[in-house]
Protein backbone atom coordinates (compact mmCIF):
# COMPACT_ATOMS: atom_id res chain seq x y z
CA UNK A 1 89.79 117.48 81.09
CA UNK A 2 87.79 120.13 82.93
CA UNK A 3 85.35 117.36 83.94
CA UNK A 4 88.05 115.66 85.74
CA UNK A 5 89.28 118.68 87.61
CA UNK A 6 85.55 119.38 88.96
CA UNK A 7 85.63 115.79 90.22
CA UNK A 8 88.85 116.03 91.77
CA UNK A 9 87.90 119.40 93.50
CA UNK A 10 84.68 117.67 94.69
CA UNK A 11 86.09 114.83 95.81
CA UNK A 12 88.81 117.29 98.12
CA UNK A 13 86.00 119.32 99.38
CA UNK A 14 83.84 116.08 100.19
CA UNK A 15 87.13 114.91 102.15
CA UNK A 16 87.59 117.98 103.95
CA UNK A 17 83.97 118.40 105.21
CA UNK A 18 84.35 114.81 106.61
CA UNK A 19 86.69 116.42 109.11
CA UNK A 20 85.34 119.61 110.12
CA UNK A 21 84.79 118.29 113.71
CA UNK A 22 88.15 118.92 114.49
CA UNK A 23 87.27 122.36 115.68
CA UNK A 24 90.19 123.52 117.42
CA UNK A 25 92.61 122.48 114.57
CA UNK A 26 96.33 123.00 114.77
CA UNK A 27 95.39 126.54 116.39
CA UNK A 28 94.93 125.10 119.97
CA UNK A 29 97.97 126.87 121.27
CA UNK A 30 97.13 130.01 119.40
CA UNK A 31 100.60 130.02 117.97
CA UNK A 32 100.24 128.84 114.17
CA UNK A 33 100.61 130.35 110.97
CA UNK A 34 98.51 130.89 108.31
CA UNK A 35 97.72 127.32 107.69
CA UNK A 36 95.82 127.03 110.97
CA UNK A 37 92.47 127.07 109.62
CA UNK A 38 92.58 123.51 107.84
CA UNK A 39 92.69 120.03 109.31
CA UNK A 40 96.35 119.40 109.50
CA UNK A 41 96.04 116.14 107.37
CA UNK A 42 95.40 118.42 104.59
CA UNK A 43 97.81 121.14 105.43
CA UNK A 44 99.98 122.11 102.27
CA UNK A 45 102.62 123.96 104.74
CA UNK A 46 105.93 123.27 103.98
CA UNK A 47 106.54 122.23 107.53
CA UNK A 48 103.80 120.03 107.96
CA UNK A 49 104.41 116.80 109.65
CA UNK A 50 101.26 115.48 108.68
CA UNK A 51 102.70 113.68 105.70
CA UNK A 52 104.58 111.64 107.77
CA UNK A 53 102.69 109.98 110.43
CA UNK A 54 101.74 106.80 108.66
CA UNK A 55 105.34 106.38 107.66
CA UNK A 56 106.61 106.58 111.00
CA UNK A 57 104.25 103.96 112.42
CA UNK A 58 103.56 101.83 109.56
CA UNK A 59 104.47 98.39 108.40
CA UNK A 60 108.09 97.79 108.51
CA UNK A 61 108.27 94.33 107.68
CA UNK A 62 106.26 94.48 104.16
CA UNK A 63 108.50 92.74 102.08
CA UNK A 64 107.99 89.28 102.76
CA UNK A 65 106.88 87.42 99.96
CA UNK A 66 103.64 85.66 99.38
CA UNK A 67 105.04 82.44 100.32
CA UNK A 68 106.11 83.73 103.82
CA UNK A 69 104.95 81.93 107.01
CA UNK A 70 103.02 85.11 108.44
CA UNK A 71 102.69 86.16 111.93
CA UNK A 72 101.78 83.82 114.87
CA UNK A 73 98.24 82.95 115.03
CA UNK A 74 97.48 83.92 111.38
CA UNK A 75 95.08 81.81 109.53
CA UNK A 76 95.52 79.85 106.36
CA UNK A 77 93.26 80.51 103.43
CA UNK A 78 90.93 77.54 104.13
CA UNK A 79 90.91 78.11 107.97
CA UNK A 80 90.15 81.91 107.26
CA UNK A 81 87.26 80.72 105.07
CA UNK A 82 86.06 78.40 107.88
CA UNK A 83 85.94 81.20 110.32
CA UNK A 84 84.06 83.46 108.12
CA UNK A 85 86.42 85.68 106.26
CA UNK A 86 85.36 86.70 102.93
CA UNK A 87 86.48 89.20 99.84
CA UNK A 88 82.38 89.77 99.37
CA UNK A 89 82.00 93.30 100.87
CA UNK A 90 79.07 94.94 102.48
CA UNK A 91 78.18 98.51 104.30
CA UNK A 92 78.93 99.13 107.66
CA UNK A 93 77.07 102.00 109.46
CA UNK A 94 77.91 103.13 112.75
CA UNK A 95 75.04 104.28 114.98
CA UNK A 96 74.69 107.97 116.21
CA UNK A 97 76.96 109.00 119.08
CA UNK A 98 74.72 108.63 122.39
CA UNK A 99 76.69 111.71 124.16
CA UNK A 100 76.88 115.30 123.78
CA UNK A 101 80.06 117.14 123.00
CA UNK A 102 81.87 119.84 124.86
CA UNK A 103 82.56 121.29 128.20
CA UNK A 104 80.31 119.98 130.93
CA UNK A 105 79.96 123.41 132.73
CA UNK A 106 79.90 126.94 131.45
CA UNK A 107 82.74 129.21 132.59
CA UNK A 108 82.17 132.83 132.93
CA UNK A 109 83.68 135.43 131.01
CA UNK A 110 85.80 136.65 133.83
CA UNK A 111 87.22 133.21 134.63
CA UNK A 112 90.94 133.12 135.29
CA UNK A 113 93.61 130.52 134.44
CA UNK A 114 93.72 129.42 138.00
CA UNK A 115 89.79 128.86 137.68
CA UNK A 116 90.09 126.66 135.01
CA UNK A 117 93.38 124.96 136.45
CA UNK A 118 91.39 124.42 139.59
CA UNK A 119 88.68 122.53 137.74
CA UNK A 120 91.29 119.67 138.01
CA UNK A 121 93.28 120.40 140.93
CA UNK A 122 90.90 122.35 143.64
CA UNK A 123 91.47 123.76 146.96
CA UNK A 124 90.39 120.68 148.78
CA UNK A 125 93.33 118.68 146.79
CA UNK A 126 95.96 121.46 147.49
CA UNK A 127 94.98 121.14 151.23
CA UNK A 128 95.47 117.42 151.28
CA UNK A 129 99.00 118.28 150.03
CA UNK A 130 99.50 120.50 152.74
CA UNK A 131 98.54 118.06 155.39
CA UNK A 132 100.05 115.10 154.07
CA UNK A 133 103.45 117.33 153.51
CA UNK A 134 103.28 118.38 157.11
CA UNK A 135 102.69 115.16 158.30
CA UNK A 136 105.85 113.35 156.21
CA UNK A 137 107.96 116.30 157.73
CA UNK A 138 106.70 115.44 161.45
CA UNK A 139 107.26 111.71 160.83
CA UNK A 140 110.75 112.20 159.11
CA UNK A 141 111.84 114.46 161.83
CA UNK A 142 110.68 112.32 164.60
CA UNK A 143 112.83 109.52 162.88
CA UNK A 144 116.01 111.20 161.67
CA UNK A 145 115.92 114.30 164.22
CA UNK A 146 114.71 117.75 164.17
CA UNK A 147 114.90 120.17 161.28
CA UNK A 148 115.52 123.77 162.73
CA UNK A 149 114.43 125.37 159.65
CA UNK A 150 111.26 123.67 159.02
CA UNK A 151 107.83 125.08 159.78
CA UNK A 152 104.42 123.86 159.00
CA UNK A 153 103.60 124.72 155.10
CA UNK A 154 100.53 126.48 154.52
CA UNK A 155 97.98 126.49 151.70
CA UNK A 156 99.16 129.86 150.40
CA UNK A 157 102.80 128.51 150.48
CA UNK A 158 101.82 125.08 148.49
CA UNK A 159 100.01 127.07 145.82
CA UNK A 160 103.36 129.14 145.28
CA UNK A 161 105.28 125.89 145.15
CA UNK A 162 103.27 124.49 142.62
CA UNK A 163 103.45 128.06 140.63
CA UNK A 164 107.21 127.77 140.91
CA UNK A 165 107.75 124.50 139.30
CA UNK A 166 104.89 125.19 136.89
CA UNK A 167 106.88 128.18 135.78
CA UNK A 168 109.73 125.70 134.27
CA UNK A 169 107.03 124.66 131.53
CA UNK A 170 107.07 128.21 130.78
CA UNK A 171 110.62 129.41 130.94
CA UNK A 172 112.00 126.21 130.04
CA UNK A 173 114.73 126.04 132.66
CA UNK A 174 116.01 122.51 133.37
CA UNK A 175 116.37 123.36 137.55
CA UNK A 176 113.57 125.17 139.27
CA UNK A 177 116.33 126.48 141.47
CA UNK A 178 117.42 128.44 138.48
CA UNK A 179 114.76 131.09 139.36
CA UNK A 180 116.86 132.25 142.37
CA UNK A 181 120.12 132.19 140.46
CA UNK A 182 121.97 135.25 138.58
CA UNK A 183 122.11 133.35 135.12
CA UNK A 184 119.99 133.06 132.10
CA UNK A 185 117.16 131.46 133.52
CA UNK A 186 116.81 133.49 136.71
CA UNK A 187 113.33 135.24 137.27
CA UNK A 188 113.74 138.04 139.85
CA UNK A 189 109.65 138.88 138.92
CA UNK A 190 108.60 135.68 140.99
CA UNK A 191 111.63 134.95 142.98
CA UNK A 192 110.89 137.39 145.72
CA UNK A 193 107.56 135.56 146.65
CA UNK A 194 109.38 132.84 148.35
CA UNK A 195 113.08 132.33 149.39
CA UNK A 196 114.75 129.48 147.80
CA UNK A 197 115.75 127.93 151.02
CA UNK A 198 112.07 127.73 152.04
CA UNK A 199 111.22 126.21 148.64
CA UNK A 200 113.73 123.86 149.01
CA UNK A 201 112.34 122.86 152.53
CA UNK A 202 108.98 122.31 151.04
CA UNK A 203 110.40 120.10 147.80
CA UNK A 204 112.39 117.91 150.51
CA UNK A 205 108.92 116.80 152.22
CA UNK A 206 106.47 117.37 149.60
CA UNK A 207 104.21 114.36 149.57
CA UNK A 208 100.57 113.66 148.09
CA UNK A 209 100.36 110.50 150.54
CA UNK A 210 102.64 110.52 153.44
CA UNK A 211 102.30 106.93 154.70
CA UNK A 212 101.58 103.79 152.84
CA UNK A 213 97.87 102.36 153.42
CA UNK A 214 97.82 99.18 155.22
CA UNK A 215 95.94 97.59 152.64
CA UNK A 216 94.14 97.63 149.04
CA UNK A 217 96.95 99.92 147.90
CA UNK A 218 98.84 100.30 144.69
CA UNK A 219 102.24 99.16 145.59
CA UNK A 220 104.43 101.12 143.12
CA UNK A 221 101.97 104.21 143.02
CA UNK A 222 100.34 104.56 146.48
CA UNK A 223 101.71 108.24 146.76
CA UNK A 224 100.13 109.22 143.78
CA UNK A 225 96.84 107.01 143.35
CA UNK A 226 94.63 109.17 145.24
CA UNK A 227 95.56 112.28 143.38
CA UNK A 228 95.25 110.17 139.93
CA UNK A 229 91.74 109.22 140.83
CA UNK A 230 90.76 112.73 141.55
CA UNK A 231 92.42 113.71 138.36
CA UNK A 232 90.55 111.08 136.22
CA UNK A 233 87.13 111.73 138.11
CA UNK A 234 87.60 115.64 137.30
CA UNK A 235 88.37 115.02 133.61
CA UNK A 236 85.20 112.98 133.32
CA UNK A 237 83.13 115.97 134.94
CA UNK A 238 84.63 118.99 133.17
CA UNK A 239 84.40 117.66 129.22
CA UNK A 240 82.42 115.37 127.16
CA UNK A 241 84.56 114.29 124.32
CA UNK A 242 83.47 113.65 120.44
CA UNK A 243 82.88 110.46 119.26
CA UNK A 244 86.22 110.05 117.69
CA UNK A 245 89.01 109.23 120.09
CA UNK A 246 92.47 107.63 120.02
CA UNK A 247 94.37 105.53 122.49
CA UNK A 248 98.16 106.09 122.48
CA UNK A 249 101.17 106.97 124.17
CA UNK A 250 101.85 110.50 124.20
CA UNK A 251 105.06 112.07 123.48
CA UNK A 252 106.99 112.27 127.00
CA UNK A 253 110.44 111.92 126.18
CA UNK A 254 113.36 113.89 127.68
CA UNK A 255 113.58 117.31 126.62
CA UNK A 256 115.97 117.26 123.28
CA UNK A 257 117.55 120.56 124.07
CA UNK A 258 119.11 119.23 127.50
CA UNK A 259 119.96 115.72 125.82
CA UNK A 260 122.10 117.61 123.15
CA UNK A 261 123.72 120.20 125.58
CA UNK A 262 124.37 118.18 128.78
CA UNK A 263 127.41 116.24 129.31
CA UNK A 264 127.99 112.44 129.26
CA UNK A 265 128.33 112.63 133.06
CA UNK A 266 125.11 114.48 133.41
CA UNK A 267 123.42 112.00 131.21
CA UNK A 268 124.50 109.11 133.07
CA UNK A 269 123.48 110.43 136.35
CA UNK A 270 120.01 111.13 134.89
CA UNK A 271 117.69 107.85 135.73
CA UNK A 272 115.46 106.33 132.91
CA UNK A 273 111.81 106.97 133.27
CA UNK A 274 110.30 103.88 134.98
CA UNK A 275 107.19 104.25 133.84
CA UNK A 276 104.80 104.32 130.79
CA UNK A 277 101.63 106.45 130.14
CA UNK A 278 98.81 105.80 127.51
CA UNK A 279 95.97 108.18 127.21
CA UNK A 280 92.46 108.20 125.91
CA UNK A 281 92.33 111.42 123.98
CA UNK A 282 89.42 113.42 122.12
CA UNK A 283 90.70 113.51 118.64
CA UNK A 284 88.75 116.94 117.83
CA UNK A 285 90.16 119.07 120.56
CA UNK A 286 93.36 117.15 121.70
CA UNK A 287 91.57 116.96 125.63
CA UNK A 288 93.07 114.06 127.41
CA UNK A 289 89.79 112.22 128.88
CA UNK A 290 91.79 109.54 130.69
CA UNK A 291 95.37 108.55 131.78
CA UNK A 292 96.84 104.91 132.62
CA UNK A 293 100.20 104.72 134.16
CA UNK A 294 102.13 101.37 134.05
CA UNK A 295 105.52 100.91 136.16
CA UNK A 296 108.09 99.11 134.17
CA UNK A 297 109.47 97.63 137.19
CA UNK A 298 107.74 96.19 140.50
CA UNK A 299 104.28 95.63 141.01
CA UNK A 300 101.63 97.61 138.75
CA UNK A 301 98.08 98.11 139.22
CA UNK A 302 95.79 95.18 138.14
CA UNK A 303 98.79 92.82 137.72
CA UNK A 304 99.96 94.74 134.55
CA UNK A 305 103.79 94.34 135.66
CA UNK A 306 103.35 90.56 135.38
CA UNK A 307 102.22 90.47 131.81
CA UNK A 308 105.57 90.03 129.82
CA UNK A 309 103.45 89.85 126.56
CA UNK A 310 103.27 93.29 124.86
CA UNK A 311 100.13 92.74 123.04
CA UNK A 312 98.37 91.23 126.21
CA UNK A 313 99.44 94.23 128.24
CA UNK A 314 98.63 96.88 125.82
CA UNK A 315 95.14 95.28 125.39
CA UNK A 316 94.47 95.53 129.26
CA UNK A 317 95.32 99.00 129.16
CA UNK A 318 92.67 99.67 126.27
CA UNK A 319 90.20 98.02 128.42
CA UNK A 320 91.14 100.17 131.47
CA UNK A 321 90.95 103.34 129.43
CA UNK A 322 87.53 102.48 127.44
CA UNK A 323 85.54 101.34 130.68
CA UNK A 324 83.63 104.44 130.85
CA UNK A 325 82.68 104.90 127.16
CA UNK A 326 80.71 101.52 126.79
CA UNK A 327 77.13 101.91 125.21
CA UNK A 328 78.03 105.61 123.53
CA UNK A 329 78.89 104.28 120.16
CA UNK A 330 82.48 105.84 120.18
CA UNK A 331 84.87 105.35 117.51
CA UNK A 332 88.25 104.39 118.97
CA UNK A 333 91.65 104.64 116.90
CA UNK A 334 94.54 102.50 117.79
CA UNK A 335 98.09 101.85 117.41
CA UNK A 336 99.73 98.63 116.08
CA UNK A 337 100.61 97.67 119.81
CA UNK A 338 97.03 97.70 120.84
CA UNK A 339 94.92 96.56 117.81
CA UNK A 340 93.79 92.98 117.54
CA UNK A 341 90.82 91.09 116.40
CA UNK A 342 89.96 89.88 119.77
CA UNK A 343 90.03 93.39 121.62
CA UNK A 344 88.15 94.90 118.53
CA UNK A 345 85.41 92.08 118.87
CA UNK A 346 85.17 92.60 122.67
CA UNK A 347 84.57 96.24 122.39
CA UNK A 348 82.15 95.97 119.56
CA UNK A 349 79.80 93.99 121.96
CA UNK A 350 80.00 97.24 124.17
CA UNK A 351 79.06 99.67 121.30
CA UNK A 352 82.69 100.77 121.08
CA UNK A 353 83.84 100.85 117.31
CA UNK A 354 87.26 100.66 116.36
CA UNK A 355 90.02 101.59 113.38
CA UNK A 356 93.66 100.59 114.08
CA UNK A 357 96.72 100.18 112.26
CA UNK A 358 98.06 96.76 112.10
CA UNK A 359 101.73 95.54 112.19
CA UNK A 360 102.52 91.80 111.65
CA UNK A 361 105.68 92.20 114.32
CA UNK A 362 104.02 94.44 117.12
CA UNK A 363 100.14 93.39 116.83
CA UNK A 364 98.50 90.46 117.87
CA UNK A 365 97.45 88.95 114.38
CA UNK A 366 95.46 85.90 115.78
CA UNK A 367 92.36 85.07 114.04
CA UNK A 368 93.63 87.05 110.90
CA UNK A 369 93.66 85.81 107.25
CA UNK A 370 97.60 85.05 106.34
CA UNK A 371 97.05 86.00 102.97
CA UNK A 372 96.30 89.46 104.05
CA UNK A 373 99.18 89.72 106.01
CA UNK A 374 101.98 88.97 103.31
CA UNK A 375 102.72 90.66 100.32
CA UNK A 376 101.76 89.36 97.05
CA UNK A 377 104.18 88.31 94.23
CA UNK A 378 102.92 91.02 91.72
CA UNK A 379 104.23 94.71 92.64
CA UNK A 380 101.49 96.81 94.09
CA UNK A 381 100.47 100.18 92.67
CA UNK A 382 100.27 103.29 94.75
CA UNK A 383 96.61 103.75 96.33
CA UNK A 384 95.67 99.72 95.42
CA UNK A 385 94.21 98.05 98.39
CA UNK A 386 92.53 94.74 99.18
CA UNK A 387 90.32 94.12 101.66
CA UNK A 388 88.31 91.12 103.65
CA UNK A 389 85.25 90.95 105.97
CA UNK A 390 84.42 88.87 108.62
CA UNK A 391 80.87 90.28 109.61
CA UNK A 392 81.15 94.04 110.37
CA UNK A 393 85.05 93.71 110.89
CA UNK A 394 87.31 94.35 107.69
CA UNK A 395 90.68 93.71 107.06
CA UNK A 396 92.42 96.26 104.78
CA UNK A 397 95.73 96.09 102.94
CA UNK A 398 96.70 99.33 101.32
CA UNK A 399 100.00 100.50 99.26
CA UNK A 400 101.48 103.67 99.44
CA UNK A 401 105.48 103.41 98.95
CA UNK A 402 105.01 100.33 101.55
CA UNK A 403 102.06 97.76 102.60
CA UNK A 404 99.89 99.60 105.36
CA UNK A 405 97.57 97.16 106.90
CA UNK A 406 94.11 98.31 109.04
CA UNK A 407 91.62 96.22 110.92
CA UNK A 408 88.04 98.32 111.36
CA UNK A 409 84.25 97.99 112.00
CA UNK A 410 84.04 101.87 112.60
CA UNK A 411 83.77 102.68 108.47
CA UNK A 412 82.32 100.92 105.62
CA UNK A 413 84.94 99.07 103.43
CA UNK A 414 82.53 99.64 100.38
CA UNK A 415 83.27 103.84 100.62
CA UNK A 416 86.50 105.38 99.24
CA UNK A 417 88.45 108.03 100.85
CA UNK A 418 91.41 110.09 99.55
CA UNK A 419 94.59 111.17 100.96
CA UNK A 420 95.85 114.60 99.60
CA UNK A 421 99.64 115.11 99.78
CA UNK A 422 101.17 118.55 99.51
CA UNK A 423 103.42 116.71 96.69
CA UNK A 424 101.76 113.54 95.46
CA UNK A 425 98.40 114.82 94.74
CA UNK A 426 95.45 112.82 95.57
CA UNK A 427 96.00 108.93 96.38
CA UNK A 428 92.84 107.10 96.67
CA UNK A 429 92.41 104.87 99.85
CA UNK A 430 89.49 103.21 101.81
CA UNK A 431 87.21 105.61 104.25
CA UNK A 432 88.77 103.87 107.03
CA UNK A 433 92.48 104.66 106.08
CA UNK A 434 91.43 108.23 105.15
CA UNK A 435 89.79 108.76 108.71
CA UNK A 436 92.86 107.07 110.50
CA UNK A 437 95.10 109.29 109.19
CA UNK A 438 93.39 112.26 109.54
CA UNK A 439 92.47 112.29 113.15
CA UNK A 440 96.14 110.42 114.01
CA UNK A 441 97.94 113.27 112.37
CA UNK A 442 95.67 115.89 114.19
CA UNK A 443 96.84 114.17 117.49
CA UNK A 444 100.60 114.25 116.19
CA UNK A 445 100.51 117.96 115.79
CA UNK A 446 98.51 118.53 118.90
CA UNK A 447 101.27 116.31 120.90
CA UNK A 448 104.14 118.14 119.07
CA UNK A 449 103.03 121.38 120.32
CA UNK A 450 101.90 119.94 123.83
CA UNK A 451 105.32 118.45 124.49
CA UNK A 452 106.91 122.27 124.58
CA UNK A 453 104.97 122.65 127.81
CA UNK A 454 105.87 119.84 129.87
CA UNK A 455 107.17 120.95 133.31
CA UNK A 456 110.92 120.59 133.04
CA UNK A 457 111.48 119.89 136.60
CA UNK A 458 112.84 116.54 136.83
CA UNK A 459 112.71 114.60 140.11
CA UNK A 460 114.41 111.08 140.50
CA UNK A 461 111.63 109.56 142.37
CA UNK A 462 109.08 108.02 140.00
CA UNK A 463 105.90 109.14 141.72
CA UNK A 464 106.98 112.59 141.46
CA UNK A 465 107.49 112.31 137.73
CA UNK A 466 104.04 110.94 137.35
CA UNK A 467 102.52 113.80 139.22
CA UNK A 468 104.27 116.80 137.56
CA UNK A 469 103.45 114.80 134.20
CA UNK A 470 100.08 114.97 135.40
CA UNK A 471 100.09 118.26 136.19
CA UNK A 472 100.96 119.14 132.77
CA UNK A 473 98.23 117.21 131.11
CA UNK A 474 95.99 119.03 133.61
CA UNK A 475 97.36 122.49 132.74
CA UNK A 476 96.82 121.53 129.09
CA UNK A 477 93.56 120.07 129.49
CA UNK A 478 92.61 123.67 131.35
CA UNK A 479 93.94 125.92 128.54
CA UNK A 480 91.46 123.76 125.89
CA UNK A 481 88.58 124.56 128.12
CA UNK A 482 89.79 128.20 128.41
CA UNK A 483 89.81 128.20 124.25
CA UNK A 484 86.25 127.12 124.20
CA UNK A 485 84.80 129.38 126.91
CA UNK A 486 83.86 132.85 126.73
CA UNK A 487 86.78 133.89 128.50
CA UNK A 488 88.70 133.42 125.36
CA UNK A 489 86.80 135.94 123.65
CA UNK A 490 87.53 138.60 126.18
CA UNK A 491 91.46 137.75 126.25
CA UNK A 492 92.79 135.61 123.73
CA UNK A 493 95.86 134.23 125.44
CA UNK A 494 98.30 131.63 123.75
CA UNK A 495 99.31 128.39 125.65
CA UNK A 496 102.58 130.37 126.79
CA UNK A 497 100.63 133.24 128.08
CA UNK A 498 98.06 130.83 129.80
CA UNK A 499 100.79 129.10 131.69
CA UNK A 500 102.15 132.31 132.73
CA UNK A 501 99.32 134.15 133.94
CA UNK A 502 98.58 130.54 135.91
CA UNK A 503 101.96 131.03 137.60
CA UNK A 504 101.46 134.60 138.68
CA UNK A 505 98.00 133.68 140.03
CA UNK A 506 99.31 130.55 141.85
CA UNK A 507 101.84 133.17 143.33
CA UNK A 508 99.44 135.69 143.96
CA UNK A 509 101.03 138.53 142.42
CA UNK A 510 99.09 141.52 142.17
CA UNK A 511 99.86 142.07 138.53
CA UNK A 512 98.72 138.94 136.86
CA UNK A 513 98.85 139.84 133.54
CA UNK A 514 101.38 137.90 131.36
CA UNK A 515 104.90 139.61 130.96
CA UNK A 516 105.48 140.53 127.30
């Protein structure tokens, strides 16, 4: 009995040590409790969400019997053998990562929140907003008549304008105009910096691109595309992600507090989001390395809007997100809508290794053995798994209160892992399953906290929604760099304090310390 206990303990320690690279853990926002030192996948706190991730995204159609037809494109047993699928397993090794990891430039211990923010939104970017806003205001008034209350905006005013809107992410007021009200969300400490009427004038004419370019423009996002391009470039120049990264759609739904408290009339007036956003995110820190915006209506970039087949659309998005990481031996985790044999095979030729969750309803299952995608007639035991291989690609069917299927060439199918549940204890699994759950549950915890710091200002125009969402991502990335810098050793600000300090610095207030 003692020997079994020692073996279980050694397996647990080995499992924990495999994910020590998740450096910032769930303490990324400086607001966690006693459990923040551990990887959230192994968290034992009562409020941990880590046990629920696979259950949320796992296979929902696992009840099909062995005689089921299987998903479209799946191979029969004889076809699978002809294509090279076999139950004989072989070891798989991923070459060492060919890139360094961490911030690309060293920030001083005296660096401010504004210094980190301006790594992504520098002064020349703000000056462009000033120029384009003034150009749009001039053209608008030439067409619709002069606006006596308008005067050209300055760079200092534009910074203050950004600060006012960003403040809604800290104080969570639904309307930025609440700052000047006498209600609960009023903020007299910053309201005196600019009058409400002046703010509304800037808001009325605010633009990133005043006029549509004559050619070569993205029809739907031309008003925001130059800013997105600049932001993408700054993400790549300021931070080098770890070997493990994830492709997914971050949580950007409407604020649940507003949805539960607003009237039906307010809900009807609220326009639905007309775009979707995918990101490539470092699983060790949560830093978002690249974003891809797709318009649900109208013309999108690179013909995305013309693709009605979702797996095909998501595959193209994945290629866009990964175009800068080829040749580095990166390991990418994907959800069911992206996971496919053809995509993973194409990525492997670029030295990009993958591990993805499969769904017979959401995934493109073309070229996969049908026998692995349907449930057998014999009930499976918890932790039981079946595997087949084709070259270095392994297809895994693992049971844990339901069938979960994974496709991977990043982890050896001959190596075992373990999932530690707070109530259920240890559950054996292939190493690929353990790695997927560990990294994805970390990202889920990150996104749970990240969603609290969205800019709450909700414009109706799609390009403005994309802009303020991008600003929110930039601020969160800035905070991650701050936490990894010497400045964090001097003053340890939480994410909320960092946001408040940034607002005060943008407004150029003398006292830039966060209010308590």
